[in-house]
C-alpha atoms as a PDB file:
ATOM      1  CA  UNK A   1      -6.947 -16.299  39.605  1.00  0.00           C
ATOM      2  CA  UNK A   2      -7.750 -17.954  42.906  1.00  0.00           C
ATOM      3  CA  UNK A   3     -10.643 -20.212  43.835  1.00  0.00           C
ATOM      4  CA  UNK A   4     -11.885 -21.787  47.047  1.00  0.00           C
ATOM      5  CA  UNK A   5      -9.168 -24.432  46.964  1.00  0.00           C
ATOM      6  CA  UNK A   6      -6.543 -21.657  47.135  1.00  0.00           C
ATOM      7  CA  UNK A   7      -7.536 -20.938  50.748  1.00  0.00           C
ATOM      8  CA  UNK A   8      -7.720 -22.836  53.998  1.00  0.00           C
ATOM      9  CA  UNK A   9     -11.219 -23.187  55.502  1.00  0.00           C
ATOM     10  CA  UNK A  10     -10.403 -20.445  58.028  1.00  0.00           C
ATOM     11  CA  UNK A  11      -9.134 -18.112  55.306  1.00  0.00           C
ATOM     12  CA  UNK A  12     -12.215 -18.772  53.180  1.00  0.00           C
ATOM     13  CA  UNK A  13     -14.464 -17.979  56.130  1.00  0.00           C
ATOM     14  CA  UNK A  14     -12.527 -14.762  56.767  1.00  0.00           C
ATOM     15  CA  UNK A  15     -13.096 -13.715  53.149  1.00  0.00           C
ATOM     16  CA  UNK A  16     -16.791 -14.595  53.453  1.00  0.00           C
ATOM     17  CA  UNK A  17     -17.288 -12.683  56.708  1.00  0.00           C
ATOM     18  CA  UNK A  18     -15.659  -9.393  55.739  1.00  0.00           C
ATOM     19  CA  UNK A  19     -18.554  -8.118  53.554  1.00  0.00           C
ATOM     20  CA  UNK A  20     -21.171  -8.810  56.238  1.00  0.00           C
ATOM     21  CA  UNK A  21     -18.940  -7.263  58.883  1.00  0.00           C
ATOM     22  CA  UNK A  22     -18.421  -4.171  56.737  1.00  0.00           C
ATOM     23  CA  UNK A  23     -22.206  -3.839  56.479  1.00  0.00           C
ATOM     24  CA  UNK A  24     -22.489  -4.233  60.240  1.00  0.00           C
ATOM     25  CA  UNK A  25     -19.746  -1.640  60.699  1.00  0.00           C
ATOM     26  CA  UNK A  26     -21.668   0.923  58.669  1.00  0.00           C
ATOM     27  CA  UNK A  27     -24.897   0.112  60.488  1.00  0.00           C
ATOM     28  CA  UNK A  28     -23.182   0.425  63.867  1.00  0.00           C
ATOM     29  CA  UNK A  29     -21.699   3.773  62.853  1.00  0.00           C
ATOM     30  CA  UNK A  30     -25.088   5.413  62.982  1.00  0.00           C
ATOM     31  CA  UNK A  31     -27.812   3.132  64.390  1.00  0.00           C
ATOM     32  CA  UNK A  32     -31.208   4.491  63.466  1.00  0.00           C
ATOM     33  CA  UNK A  33     -33.941   2.032  64.395  1.00  0.00           C
ATOM     34  CA  UNK A  34     -35.599  -1.063  62.992  1.00  0.00           C
ATOM     35  CA  UNK A  35     -36.868   0.377  59.698  1.00  0.00           C
ATOM     36  CA  UNK A  36     -33.463   1.822  58.861  1.00  0.00           C
ATOM     37  CA  UNK A  37     -31.793  -1.486  59.790  1.00  0.00           C
ATOM     38  CA  UNK A  38     -34.118  -3.340  57.419  1.00  0.00           C
ATOM     39  CA  UNK A  39     -33.370  -0.895  54.595  1.00  0.00           C
ATOM     40  CA  UNK A  40     -29.655  -1.225  55.276  1.00  0.00           C
ATOM     41  CA  UNK A  41     -29.855  -5.029  55.310  1.00  0.00           C
ATOM     42  CA  UNK A  42     -31.614  -5.025  51.942  1.00  0.00           C
ATOM     43  CA  UNK A  43     -28.959  -2.620  50.644  1.00  0.00           C
ATOM     44  CA  UNK A  44     -26.252  -5.140  51.596  1.00  0.00           C
ATOM     45  CA  UNK A  45     -27.865  -7.786  49.424  1.00  0.00           C
ATOM     46  CA  UNK A  46     -28.464  -5.372  46.570  1.00  0.00           C
ATOM     47  CA  UNK A  47     -24.854  -4.190  46.636  1.00  0.00           C
ATOM     48  CA  UNK A  48     -23.641  -7.791  46.540  1.00  0.00           C
ATOM     49  CA  UNK A  49     -25.883  -8.534  43.568  1.00  0.00           C
ATOM     50  CA  UNK A  50     -24.589  -5.435  41.739  1.00  0.00           C
ATOM     51  CA  UNK A  51     -20.985  -6.458  42.423  1.00  0.00           C
ATOM     52  CA  UNK A  52     -21.678  -9.923  41.002  1.00  0.00           C
ATOM     53  CA  UNK A  53     -23.174  -8.390  37.880  1.00  0.00           C
ATOM     54  CA  UNK A  54     -20.296  -5.999  37.366  1.00  0.00           C
ATOM     55  CA  UNK A  55     -17.575  -8.564  38.054  1.00  0.00           C
ATOM     56  CA  UNK A  56     -19.152 -11.608  36.443  1.00  0.00           C
ATOM     57  CA  UNK A  57     -15.728 -12.343  34.955  1.00  0.00           C
ATOM     58  CA  UNK A  58     -14.363 -12.947  38.500  1.00  0.00           C
ATOM     59  CA  UNK A  59     -15.399 -16.457  39.609  1.00  0.00           C
ATOM     60  CA  UNK A  60     -13.902 -15.939  43.065  1.00  0.00           C
ATOM     61  CA  UNK A  61     -16.347 -13.138  43.809  1.00  0.00           C
ATOM     62  CA  UNK A  62     -19.310 -15.288  42.800  1.00  0.00           C
ATOM     63  CA  UNK A  63     -18.062 -18.168  44.936  1.00  0.00           C
ATOM     64  CA  UNK A  64     -17.630 -15.883  47.945  1.00  0.00           C
ATOM     65  CA  UNK A  65     -20.966 -14.130  47.517  1.00  0.00           C
ATOM     66  CA  UNK A  66     -22.984 -17.314  47.134  1.00  0.00           C
ATOM     67  CA  UNK A  67     -21.345 -19.491  49.791  1.00  0.00           C
ATOM     68  CA  UNK A  68     -23.314 -19.244  53.044  1.00  0.00           C
ATOM     69  CA  UNK A  69     -21.577 -22.036  54.973  1.00  0.00           C
ATOM     70  CA  UNK A  70     -20.508 -20.927  58.434  1.00  0.00           C
ATOM     71  CA  UNK A  71     -21.348 -17.253  57.954  1.00  0.00           C
ATOM     72  CA  UNK A  72     -23.996 -16.973  60.662  1.00  0.00           C
ATOM     73  CA  UNK A  73     -21.843 -18.734  63.220  1.00  0.00           C
ATOM     74  CA  UNK A  74     -18.790 -16.731  62.142  1.00  0.00           C
ATOM     75  CA  UNK A  75     -20.645 -13.444  62.499  1.00  0.00           C
ATOM     76  CA  UNK A  76     -21.818 -14.395  65.970  1.00  0.00           C
ATOM     77  CA  UNK A  77     -18.273 -15.269  66.962  1.00  0.00           C
ATOM     78  CA  UNK A  78     -16.836 -12.071  65.473  1.00  0.00           C
ATOM     79  CA  UNK A  79     -19.470  -9.707  66.835  1.00  0.00           C
ATOM     80  CA  UNK A  80     -20.247 -11.362  70.158  1.00  0.00           C
ATOM     81  CA  UNK A  81     -23.469 -10.942  72.063  1.00  0.00           C
ATOM     82  CA  UNK A  82     -25.368  -7.849  72.991  1.00  0.00           C
ATOM     83  CA  UNK A  83     -26.814  -4.825  71.293  1.00  0.00           C
ATOM     84  CA  UNK A  84     -24.614  -3.808  68.389  1.00  0.00           C
ATOM     85  CA  UNK A  85     -25.918  -0.239  68.541  1.00  0.00           C
ATOM     86  CA  UNK A  86     -24.369   0.270  71.971  1.00  0.00           C
ATOM     87  CA  UNK A  87     -21.072  -1.269  70.837  1.00  0.00           C
ATOM     88  CA  UNK A  88     -20.582   0.833  67.711  1.00  0.00           C
ATOM     89  CA  UNK A  89     -16.852   1.502  68.089  1.00  0.00           C
ATOM     90  CA  UNK A  90     -16.136  -2.164  68.787  1.00  0.00           C
ATOM     91  CA  UNK A  91     -18.189  -3.318  65.783  1.00  0.00           C
ATOM     92  CA  UNK A  92     -16.539  -0.777  63.477  1.00  0.00           C
ATOM     93  CA  UNK A  93     -13.062  -1.821  64.655  1.00  0.00           C
ATOM     94  CA  UNK A  94     -13.922  -5.502  64.136  1.00  0.00           C
ATOM     95  CA  UNK A  95     -15.208  -4.788  60.627  1.00  0.00           C
ATOM     96  CA  UNK A  96     -12.131  -2.790  59.650  1.00  0.00           C
ATOM     97  CA  UNK A  97      -9.773  -5.407  61.098  1.00  0.00           C
ATOM     98  CA  UNK A  98     -11.486  -8.198  59.152  1.00  0.00           C
ATOM     99  CA  UNK A  99     -11.594  -6.183  55.923  1.00  0.00           C
ATOM    100  CA  UNK A 100      -7.877  -5.452  56.260  1.00  0.00           C
ATOM    101  CA  UNK A 101      -7.084  -9.107  56.937  1.00  0.00           C
ATOM    102  CA  UNK A 102      -9.228 -10.249  54.005  1.00  0.00           C
ATOM    103  CA  UNK A 103      -7.651  -7.884  51.471  1.00  0.00           C
ATOM    104  CA  UNK A 104      -4.159  -8.740  52.736  1.00  0.00           C
ATOM    105  CA  UNK A 105      -4.970 -12.421  52.341  1.00  0.00           C
ATOM    106  CA  UNK A 106      -6.269 -11.907  48.804  1.00  0.00           C
ATOM    107  CA  UNK A 107      -3.184  -9.919  47.828  1.00  0.00           C
ATOM    108  CA  UNK A 108      -1.009 -12.819  48.950  1.00  0.00           C
ATOM    109  CA  UNK A 109      -2.976 -15.607  47.244  1.00  0.00           C
ATOM    110  CA  UNK A 110      -4.821 -14.133  44.287  1.00  0.00           C
ATOM    111  CA  UNK A 111      -4.414 -11.878  41.286  1.00  0.00           C
ATOM    112  CA  UNK A 112      -5.027  -8.153  40.890  1.00  0.00           C
ATOM    113  CA  UNK A 113      -8.463  -8.610  39.286  1.00  0.00           C
ATOM    114  CA  UNK A 114      -9.734 -10.639  42.259  1.00  0.00           C
ATOM    115  CA  UNK A 115      -8.355  -8.048  44.684  1.00  0.00           C
ATOM    116  CA  UNK A 116      -9.897  -5.171  42.717  1.00  0.00           C
ATOM    117  CA  UNK A 117     -13.303  -6.875  42.549  1.00  0.00           C
ATOM    118  CA  UNK A 118     -13.300  -7.754  46.238  1.00  0.00           C
ATOM    119  CA  UNK A 119     -12.226  -4.276  47.371  1.00  0.00           C
ATOM    120  CA  UNK A 120     -14.846  -2.722  45.109  1.00  0.00           C
ATOM    121  CA  UNK A 121     -17.498  -5.052  46.527  1.00  0.00           C
ATOM    122  CA  UNK A 122     -16.666  -3.961  50.075  1.00  0.00           C
ATOM    123  CA  UNK A 123     -16.568  -0.230  49.340  1.00  0.00           C
ATOM    124  CA  UNK A 124     -19.737  -0.308  47.250  1.00  0.00           C
ATOM    125  CA  UNK A 125     -21.495  -2.363  49.906  1.00  0.00           C
ATOM    126  CA  UNK A 126     -20.520   0.197  52.560  1.00  0.00           C
ATOM    127  CA  UNK A 127     -21.738   3.101  50.415  1.00  0.00           C
ATOM    128  CA  UNK A 128     -24.995   1.322  49.629  1.00  0.00           C
ATOM    129  CA  UNK A 129     -25.709   0.573  53.288  1.00  0.00           C
ATOM    130  CA  UNK A 130     -24.813   4.120  54.317  1.00  0.00           C
ATOM    131  CA  UNK A 131     -27.162   5.608  51.740  1.00  0.00           C
ATOM    132  CA  UNK A 132     -30.055   3.241  52.411  1.00  0.00           C
ATOM    133  CA  UNK A 133     -31.969   5.475  54.815  1.00  0.00           C
ATOM    134  CA  UNK A 134     -32.054   9.095  55.895  1.00  0.00           C
ATOM    135  CA  UNK A 135     -30.056   9.639  59.049  1.00  0.00           C
ATOM    136  CA  UNK A 136     -30.825  13.065  60.452  1.00  0.00           C
ATOM    137  CA  UNK A 137     -32.975  16.087  59.849  1.00  0.00           C
ATOM    138  CA  UNK A 138     -35.807  14.309  58.091  1.00  0.00           C
ATOM    139  CA  UNK A 139     -39.422  13.633  58.908  1.00  0.00           C
ATOM    140  CA  UNK A 140     -40.869  10.107  58.619  1.00  0.00           C
ATOM    141  CA  UNK A 141     -37.913   8.995  56.532  1.00  0.00           C
ATOM    142  CA  UNK A 142     -38.084  11.849  54.033  1.00  0.00           C
ATOM    143  CA  UNK A 143     -35.448  14.487  53.616  1.00  0.00           C
ATOM    144  CA  UNK A 144     -32.558  14.627  55.979  1.00  0.00           C
ATOM    145  CA  UNK A 145     -28.931  13.687  55.530  1.00  0.00           C
ATOM    146  CA  UNK A 146     -28.471  10.434  53.605  1.00  0.00           C
ATOM    147  CA  UNK A 147     -25.047   9.560  54.995  1.00  0.00           C
ATOM    148  CA  UNK A 148     -24.060  10.492  58.526  1.00  0.00           C
ATOM    149  CA  UNK A 149     -20.659  11.880  59.427  1.00  0.00           C
ATOM    150  CA  UNK A 150     -19.915   8.675  61.363  1.00  0.00           C
ATOM    151  CA  UNK A 151     -20.767   6.521  58.334  1.00  0.00           C
ATOM    152  CA  UNK A 152     -18.646   8.734  56.110  1.00  0.00           C
ATOM    153  CA  UNK A 153     -15.730   8.395  58.539  1.00  0.00           C
ATOM    154  CA  UNK A 154     -16.103   4.597  58.576  1.00  0.00           C
ATOM    155  CA  UNK A 155     -16.115   4.484  54.768  1.00  0.00           C
ATOM    156  CA  UNK A 156     -12.962   6.625  54.647  1.00  0.00           C
ATOM    157  CA  UNK A 157     -11.226   4.246  57.063  1.00  0.00           C
ATOM    158  CA  UNK A 158     -12.400   1.287  54.982  1.00  0.00           C
ATOM    159  CA  UNK A 159     -11.058   2.803  51.766  1.00  0.00           C
ATOM    160  CA  UNK A 160      -7.709   3.406  53.475  1.00  0.00           C
ATOM    161  CA  UNK A 161      -7.637  -0.176  54.754  1.00  0.00           C
ATOM    162  CA  UNK A 162      -8.329  -1.533  51.266  1.00  0.00           C
ATOM    163  CA  UNK A 163      -5.963   0.778  49.378  1.00  0.00           C
ATOM    164  CA  UNK A 164      -3.036  -0.853  47.627  1.00  0.00           C
ATOM    165  CA  UNK A 165       0.095  -1.061  49.721  1.00  0.00           C
ATOM    166  CA  UNK A 166       2.667   1.569  48.986  1.00  0.00           C
ATOM    167  CA  UNK A 167       0.009   4.228  48.433  1.00  0.00           C
ATOM    168  CA  UNK A 168       0.787   5.975  51.700  1.00  0.00           C
ATOM    169  CA  UNK A 169      -2.311   4.730  53.491  1.00  0.00           C
ATOM    170  CA  UNK A 170      -3.059   2.846  56.655  1.00  0.00           C
ATOM    171  CA  UNK A 171      -2.935  -0.448  54.761  1.00  0.00           C
ATOM    172  CA  UNK A 172       0.863  -0.301  54.720  1.00  0.00           C
ATOM    173  CA  UNK A 173       0.772  -1.453  58.316  1.00  0.00           C
ATOM    174  CA  UNK A 174      -2.102  -3.840  57.701  1.00  0.00           C
ATOM    175  CA  UNK A 175      -2.549  -6.801  59.956  1.00  0.00           C
ATOM    176  CA  UNK A 176      -1.411 -10.140  58.540  1.00  0.00           C
ATOM    177  CA  UNK A 177      -3.898 -12.653  57.220  1.00  0.00           C
ATOM    178  CA  UNK A 178      -5.713 -14.609  59.922  1.00  0.00           C
ATOM    179  CA  UNK A 179      -3.857 -17.612  61.263  1.00  0.00           C
ATOM    180  CA  UNK A 180      -5.233 -21.116  61.043  1.00  0.00           C
ATOM    181  CA  UNK A 181      -6.434 -20.954  64.640  1.00  0.00           C
ATOM    182  CA  UNK A 182      -8.249 -17.626  64.153  1.00  0.00           C
ATOM    183  CA  UNK A 183     -11.727 -18.572  62.969  1.00  0.00           C
ATOM    184  CA  UNK A 184     -12.821 -15.009  62.249  1.00  0.00           C
END
Protein backbone atom coordinates (compact mmCIF):
# COMPACT_ATOMS: atom_id res chain seq x y z
CA UNK A 1 0.00 0.00 0.00
CA UNK A 2 1.52 3.27 -1.13
CA UNK A 3 1.29 6.71 0.43
CA UNK A 4 2.43 10.18 -0.56
CA UNK A 5 6.02 9.42 0.38
CA UNK A 6 6.06 6.63 -2.22
CA UNK A 7 5.98 9.23 -5.01
CA UNK A 8 8.07 12.15 -6.13
CA UNK A 9 6.34 15.56 -6.01
CA UNK A 10 5.85 15.44 -9.80
CA UNK A 11 4.38 11.93 -9.64
CA UNK A 12 2.05 12.94 -6.81
CA UNK A 13 0.85 15.94 -8.81
CA UNK A 14 0.27 13.70 -11.84
CA UNK A 15 -1.90 11.40 -9.71
CA UNK A 16 -3.78 14.42 -8.33
CA UNK A 17 -4.41 15.97 -11.75
CA UNK A 18 -5.74 12.91 -13.57
CA UNK A 19 -9.23 12.95 -11.97
CA UNK A 20 -9.78 16.64 -12.74
CA UNK A 21 -8.47 16.15 -16.26
CA UNK A 22 -10.79 13.19 -16.79
CA UNK A 23 -13.70 15.41 -15.74
CA UNK A 24 -12.51 18.09 -18.14
CA UNK A 25 -12.18 15.47 -20.88
CA UNK A 26 -15.81 14.42 -20.47
CA UNK A 27 -16.96 18.04 -20.36
CA UNK A 28 -14.97 18.86 -23.50
CA UNK A 29 -16.45 15.85 -25.28
CA UNK A 30 -19.83 17.50 -25.44
CA UNK A 31 -19.79 21.13 -24.26
CA UNK A 32 -23.31 22.25 -23.48
CA UNK A 33 -23.30 25.67 -21.84
CA UNK A 34 -22.83 27.20 -18.42
CA UNK A 35 -25.64 25.40 -16.57
CA UNK A 36 -24.49 22.01 -17.83
CA UNK A 37 -20.88 22.86 -16.90
CA UNK A 38 -21.97 23.71 -13.36
CA UNK A 39 -23.91 20.44 -13.06
CA UNK A 40 -20.92 18.53 -14.40
CA UNK A 41 -18.55 20.27 -11.98
CA UNK A 42 -20.77 19.35 -9.04
CA UNK A 43 -20.91 15.78 -10.36
CA UNK A 44 -17.10 15.62 -10.23
CA UNK A 45 -17.12 16.45 -6.54
CA UNK A 46 -19.97 14.07 -5.81
CA UNK A 47 -18.24 11.22 -7.62
CA UNK A 48 -15.06 11.86 -5.64
CA UNK A 49 -17.01 11.82 -2.38
CA UNK A 50 -18.70 8.53 -3.36
CA UNK A 51 -15.33 6.98 -4.24
CA UNK A 52 -13.96 8.01 -0.84
CA UNK A 53 -16.93 6.43 0.89
CA UNK A 54 -16.67 3.20 -1.05
CA UNK A 55 -12.90 2.89 -0.71
CA UNK A 56 -12.46 4.21 2.81
CA UNK A 57 -10.06 1.31 3.38
CA UNK A 58 -7.66 2.85 0.80
CA UNK A 59 -5.73 5.69 2.49
CA UNK A 60 -4.01 6.62 -0.77
CA UNK A 61 -7.32 7.54 -2.37
CA UNK A 62 -8.25 9.78 0.55
CA UNK A 63 -4.85 11.48 0.45
CA UNK A 64 -5.16 12.10 -3.29
CA UNK A 65 -8.75 13.32 -3.13
CA UNK A 66 -8.16 15.76 -0.29
CA UNK A 67 -4.80 17.22 -1.32
CA UNK A 68 -5.35 20.44 -3.28
CA UNK A 69 -1.73 21.64 -3.42
CA UNK A 70 -0.69 22.61 -6.93
CA UNK A 71 -3.83 21.34 -8.65
CA UNK A 72 -5.04 24.67 -10.04
CA UNK A 73 -1.63 25.55 -11.40
CA UNK A 74 -1.16 22.02 -12.74
CA UNK A 75 -4.50 22.10 -14.53
CA UNK A 76 -3.64 25.43 -16.12
CA UNK A 77 -0.32 24.05 -17.30
CA UNK A 78 -1.88 20.84 -18.63
CA UNK A 79 -4.85 22.45 -20.35
CA UNK A 80 -3.30 25.71 -21.51
CA UNK A 81 -5.23 28.86 -22.24
CA UNK A 82 -8.30 29.41 -24.32
CA UNK A 83 -11.80 28.06 -24.57
CA UNK A 84 -11.82 24.37 -23.72
CA UNK A 85 -15.03 23.85 -25.70
CA UNK A 86 -13.26 24.73 -28.95
CA UNK A 87 -10.31 22.48 -28.09
CA UNK A 88 -12.29 19.34 -27.28
CA UNK A 89 -10.04 16.81 -29.03
CA UNK A 90 -6.93 18.29 -27.44
CA UNK A 91 -8.48 18.28 -23.96
CA UNK A 92 -9.71 14.70 -24.34
CA UNK A 93 -6.27 13.55 -25.53
CA UNK A 94 -4.59 15.33 -22.60
CA UNK A 95 -7.00 13.72 -20.14
CA UNK A 96 -6.48 10.23 -21.55
CA UNK A 97 -2.70 10.65 -21.63
CA UNK A 98 -2.62 11.75 -17.98
CA UNK A 99 -4.99 8.98 -16.87
CA UNK A 100 -2.80 6.41 -18.63
CA UNK A 101 0.35 7.83 -17.05
CA UNK A 102 -1.25 7.91 -13.60
CA UNK A 103 -2.48 4.31 -13.69
CA UNK A 104 0.88 3.13 -15.06
CA UNK A 105 2.62 4.96 -12.24
CA UNK A 106 0.33 3.42 -9.62
CA UNK A 107 0.86 -0.07 -11.03
CA UNK A 108 4.61 0.39 -10.65
CA UNK A 109 4.57 1.80 -7.10
CA UNK A 110 1.44 0.58 -5.36
CA UNK A 111 -0.66 -2.49 -4.71
CA UNK A 112 -3.65 -3.88 -6.58
CA UNK A 113 -6.20 -2.39 -4.16
CA UNK A 114 -4.86 1.14 -4.68
CA UNK A 115 -4.89 0.64 -8.46
CA UNK A 116 -8.43 -0.75 -8.40
CA UNK A 117 -9.71 2.12 -6.25
CA UNK A 118 -8.03 4.77 -8.37
CA UNK A 119 -9.24 3.31 -11.68
CA UNK A 120 -12.75 3.00 -10.27
CA UNK A 121 -12.62 6.62 -9.09
CA UNK A 122 -11.71 7.81 -12.58
CA UNK A 123 -14.31 5.73 -14.42
CA UNK A 124 -17.08 6.58 -11.95
CA UNK A 125 -16.14 10.25 -12.09
CA UNK A 126 -16.36 10.18 -15.90
CA UNK A 127 -19.76 8.45 -15.82
CA UNK A 128 -21.07 10.87 -13.21
CA UNK A 129 -19.98 13.92 -15.20
CA UNK A 130 -21.38 12.49 -18.42
CA UNK A 131 -24.76 11.83 -16.82
CA UNK A 132 -25.00 15.16 -15.00
CA UNK A 133 -27.07 16.99 -17.61
CA UNK A 134 -29.19 16.21 -20.63
CA UNK A 135 -27.22 16.60 -23.83
CA UNK A 136 -29.59 16.56 -26.78
CA UNK A 137 -33.25 16.35 -27.63
CA UNK A 138 -34.56 17.89 -24.43
CA UNK A 139 -36.37 21.08 -23.58
CA UNK A 140 -35.13 23.34 -20.75
CA UNK A 141 -32.98 20.54 -19.38
CA UNK A 142 -35.73 17.92 -19.30
CA UNK A 143 -35.77 14.81 -21.40
CA UNK A 144 -33.15 14.29 -24.02
CA UNK A 145 -30.16 11.99 -24.13
CA UNK A 146 -28.28 11.85 -20.83
CA UNK A 147 -24.92 10.79 -22.26
CA UNK A 148 -23.80 11.94 -25.68
CA UNK A 149 -22.10 9.65 -28.17
CA UNK A 150 -18.89 11.69 -27.78
CA UNK A 151 -18.97 11.28 -23.99
CA UNK A 152 -19.63 7.57 -24.36
CA UNK A 153 -16.66 7.28 -26.74
CA UNK A 154 -14.41 9.13 -24.28
CA UNK A 155 -15.48 6.83 -21.44
CA UNK A 156 -14.75 3.76 -23.59
CA UNK A 157 -11.26 5.09 -24.34
CA UNK A 158 -10.75 5.82 -20.64
CA UNK A 159 -11.78 2.30 -19.64
CA UNK A 160 -9.35 0.88 -22.20
CA UNK A 161 -6.56 3.12 -20.91
CA UNK A 162 -7.19 1.99 -17.33
CA UNK A 163 -7.64 -1.72 -18.08
CA UNK A 164 -5.07 -4.07 -16.61
CA UNK A 165 -2.14 -4.77 -18.89
CA UNK A 166 -2.32 -8.03 -20.73
CA UNK A 167 -6.07 -7.72 -21.24
CA UNK A 168 -5.70 -6.94 -24.93
CA UNK A 169 -6.49 -3.25 -24.57
CA UNK A 170 -4.82 -0.01 -25.48
CA UNK A 171 -3.13 0.11 -22.07
CA UNK A 172 -0.62 -2.50 -23.21
CA UNK A 173 1.15 0.26 -25.07
CA UNK A 174 0.56 2.79 -22.32
CA UNK A 175 2.87 5.72 -21.97
CA UNK A 176 5.43 5.48 -19.17
CA UNK A 177 4.97 7.36 -15.94
CA UNK A 178 5.82 11.06 -16.16
CA UNK A 179 9.48 11.91 -15.77
CA UNK A 180 10.77 14.14 -13.03
CA UNK A 181 10.90 17.10 -15.40
CA UNK A 182 7.31 16.62 -16.62
CA UNK A 183 5.18 18.60 -14.18
CA UNK A 184 1.86 17.39 -15.58
